[in-house]
Amino acid sequence: MMLTDRELEYLKDLENNKEVVYLLNTRECELIAKLIRSYKEIQRQLSAMQISRD
């Protein structure tokens, strides 16, 4: 499942919004944490690809 740019941006904002995270239940928090980790890994891989291409 690939997320859209808008969804990735939303995750980024959500990661920094502690009030929203506290309102979620534990399962939702785990899901969001996984999505954020996936997002960060994708960003890392894209950066590595850009560096190797340059």
N, C-alpha and C. Protein backbone atom coordinates (compact mmCIF):
# COMPACT_ATOMS: atom_id res chain seq x y z
N MET A 1 0.84 -1.17 0.00
CA MET A 1 0.00 0.00 0.00
C MET A 1 0.89 1.24 0.00
N MET A 2 0.76 2.03 -1.02
CA MET A 2 1.50 3.30 -1.05
C MET A 2 0.57 4.41 -0.62
N LEU A 3 1.09 5.29 0.20
CA LEU A 3 0.30 6.43 0.65
C LEU A 3 0.50 7.60 -0.30
N THR A 4 -0.50 8.44 -0.38
CA THR A 4 -0.38 9.63 -1.21
C THR A 4 0.49 10.65 -0.48
N ASP A 5 0.98 11.64 -1.21
CA ASP A 5 1.77 12.71 -0.60
C ASP A 5 0.98 13.40 0.50
N ARG A 6 -0.30 13.59 0.25
CA ARG A 6 -1.16 14.25 1.25
C ARG A 6 -1.26 13.42 2.52
N GLU A 7 -1.42 12.11 2.36
CA GLU A 7 -1.49 11.23 3.52
C GLU A 7 -0.18 11.22 4.29
N LEU A 8 0.93 11.22 3.57
CA LEU A 8 2.24 11.25 4.23
C LEU A 8 2.43 12.55 5.00
N GLU A 9 2.00 13.65 4.42
CA GLU A 9 2.10 14.95 5.09
C GLU A 9 1.23 14.96 6.35
N TYR A 10 0.06 14.36 6.25
CA TYR A 10 -0.84 14.25 7.40
C TYR A 10 -0.17 13.47 8.53
N LEU A 11 0.48 12.37 8.18
CA LEU A 11 1.17 11.56 9.19
C LEU A 11 2.28 12.36 9.86
N LYS A 12 2.99 13.13 9.05
CA LYS A 12 4.06 13.96 9.59
C LYS A 12 3.51 14.95 10.61
N ASP A 13 2.41 15.60 10.26
CA ASP A 13 1.77 16.55 11.17
C ASP A 13 1.25 15.84 12.42
N LEU A 14 0.67 14.68 12.23
CA LEU A 14 0.12 13.92 13.35
C LEU A 14 1.21 13.51 14.33
N GLU A 15 2.36 13.13 13.81
CA GLU A 15 3.47 12.72 14.66
C GLU A 15 3.85 13.84 15.63
N ASN A 16 3.73 15.07 15.19
CA ASN A 16 4.12 16.21 16.01
C ASN A 16 2.98 16.75 16.87
N ASN A 17 1.79 16.17 16.74
CA ASN A 17 0.63 16.66 17.48
C ASN A 17 0.31 15.68 18.61
N LYS A 18 0.93 15.89 19.75
CA LYS A 18 0.78 14.95 20.88
C LYS A 18 -0.65 14.92 21.42
N GLU A 19 -1.38 16.03 21.34
CA GLU A 19 -2.75 16.05 21.85
C GLU A 19 -3.62 15.05 21.10
N VAL A 20 -3.49 14.98 19.80
CA VAL A 20 -4.28 14.04 19.01
C VAL A 20 -3.90 12.61 19.36
N VAL A 21 -2.61 12.34 19.47
CA VAL A 21 -2.16 10.98 19.77
C VAL A 21 -2.72 10.49 21.10
N TYR A 22 -2.76 11.37 22.10
CA TYR A 22 -3.28 10.96 23.40
C TYR A 22 -4.77 10.64 23.36
N LEU A 23 -5.49 11.20 22.42
CA LEU A 23 -6.93 10.94 22.32
C LEU A 23 -7.23 9.60 21.64
N LEU A 24 -6.27 9.05 20.97
CA LEU A 24 -6.49 7.79 20.26
C LEU A 24 -6.33 6.61 21.21
N ASN A 25 -6.98 5.49 20.86
CA ASN A 25 -6.78 4.31 21.68
C ASN A 25 -5.46 3.63 21.31
N THR A 26 -5.08 2.65 22.06
CA THR A 26 -3.76 2.02 21.90
C THR A 26 -3.58 1.41 20.52
N ARG A 27 -4.58 0.73 19.99
CA ARG A 27 -4.46 0.11 18.66
C ARG A 27 -4.23 1.16 17.59
N GLU A 28 -4.96 2.26 17.68
CA GLU A 28 -4.79 3.33 16.71
C GLU A 28 -3.40 3.93 16.81
N CYS A 29 -2.90 4.10 18.02
CA CYS A 29 -1.57 4.65 18.22
C CYS A 29 -0.51 3.73 17.61
N GLU A 30 -0.69 2.43 17.80
CA GLU A 30 0.26 1.47 17.22
C GLU A 30 0.25 1.55 15.70
N LEU A 31 -0.94 1.65 15.11
CA LEU A 31 -1.05 1.75 13.66
C LEU A 31 -0.37 3.02 13.16
N ILE A 32 -0.64 4.13 13.83
CA ILE A 32 -0.04 5.40 13.41
C ILE A 32 1.48 5.34 13.56
N ALA A 33 1.96 4.75 14.64
CA ALA A 33 3.40 4.62 14.84
C ALA A 33 4.02 3.80 13.71
N LYS A 34 3.36 2.73 13.29
CA LYS A 34 3.86 1.91 12.17
C LYS A 34 3.87 2.72 10.88
N LEU A 35 2.81 3.49 10.64
CA LEU A 35 2.77 4.31 9.44
C LEU A 35 3.87 5.36 9.44
N ILE A 36 4.11 5.97 10.58
CA ILE A 36 5.16 6.98 10.68
C ILE A 36 6.53 6.33 10.44
N ARG A 37 6.76 5.15 11.01
CA ARG A 37 8.04 4.45 10.77
C ARG A 37 8.19 4.12 9.29
N SER A 38 7.10 3.66 8.67
CA SER A 38 7.14 3.35 7.24
C SER A 38 7.46 4.61 6.43
N TYR A 39 6.82 5.70 6.80
CA TYR A 39 7.07 6.98 6.13
C TYR A 39 8.54 7.38 6.25
N LYS A 40 9.08 7.27 7.46
CA LYS A 40 10.48 7.65 7.67
C LYS A 40 11.42 6.74 6.87
N GLU A 41 11.10 5.46 6.80
CA GLU A 41 11.93 4.53 6.04
C GLU A 41 11.87 4.86 4.55
N ILE A 42 10.69 5.18 4.05
CA ILE A 42 10.56 5.57 2.64
C ILE A 42 11.38 6.82 2.37
N GLN A 43 11.28 7.80 3.27
CA GLN A 43 12.06 9.03 3.10
C GLN A 43 13.56 8.73 3.09
N ARG A 44 14.00 7.84 3.99
CA ARG A 44 15.42 7.47 4.06
C ARG A 44 15.86 6.81 2.76
N GLN A 45 15.04 5.90 2.25
CA GLN A 45 15.38 5.21 1.01
C GLN A 45 15.42 6.18 -0.17
N LEU A 46 14.47 7.11 -0.22
CA LEU A 46 14.46 8.08 -1.30
C LEU A 46 15.71 8.96 -1.25
N SER A 47 16.11 9.36 -0.05
CA SER A 47 17.33 10.15 0.11
C SER A 47 18.55 9.37 -0.36
N ALA A 48 18.61 8.12 0.02
CA ALA A 48 19.75 7.27 -0.38
C ALA A 48 19.80 7.12 -1.89
N MET A 49 18.63 6.95 -2.51
CA MET A 49 18.58 6.83 -3.97
C MET A 49 19.04 8.12 -4.64
N GLN A 50 18.62 9.24 -4.09
CA GLN A 50 19.01 10.54 -4.65
C GLN A 50 20.52 10.73 -4.54
N ILE A 51 21.09 10.38 -3.39
CA ILE A 51 22.54 10.53 -3.18
C ILE A 51 23.30 9.64 -4.15
N SER A 52 22.84 8.38 -4.30
CA SER A 52 23.56 7.46 -5.19
C SER A 52 23.42 7.89 -6.65
N ARG A 53 22.32 8.54 -6.97
CA ARG A 53 22.12 9.00 -8.35
C ARG A 53 23.02 10.20 -8.65
N ASP A 54 23.22 11.04 -7.65
CA ASP A 54 24.08 12.22 -7.81
C ASP A 54 25.52 11.76 -7.86
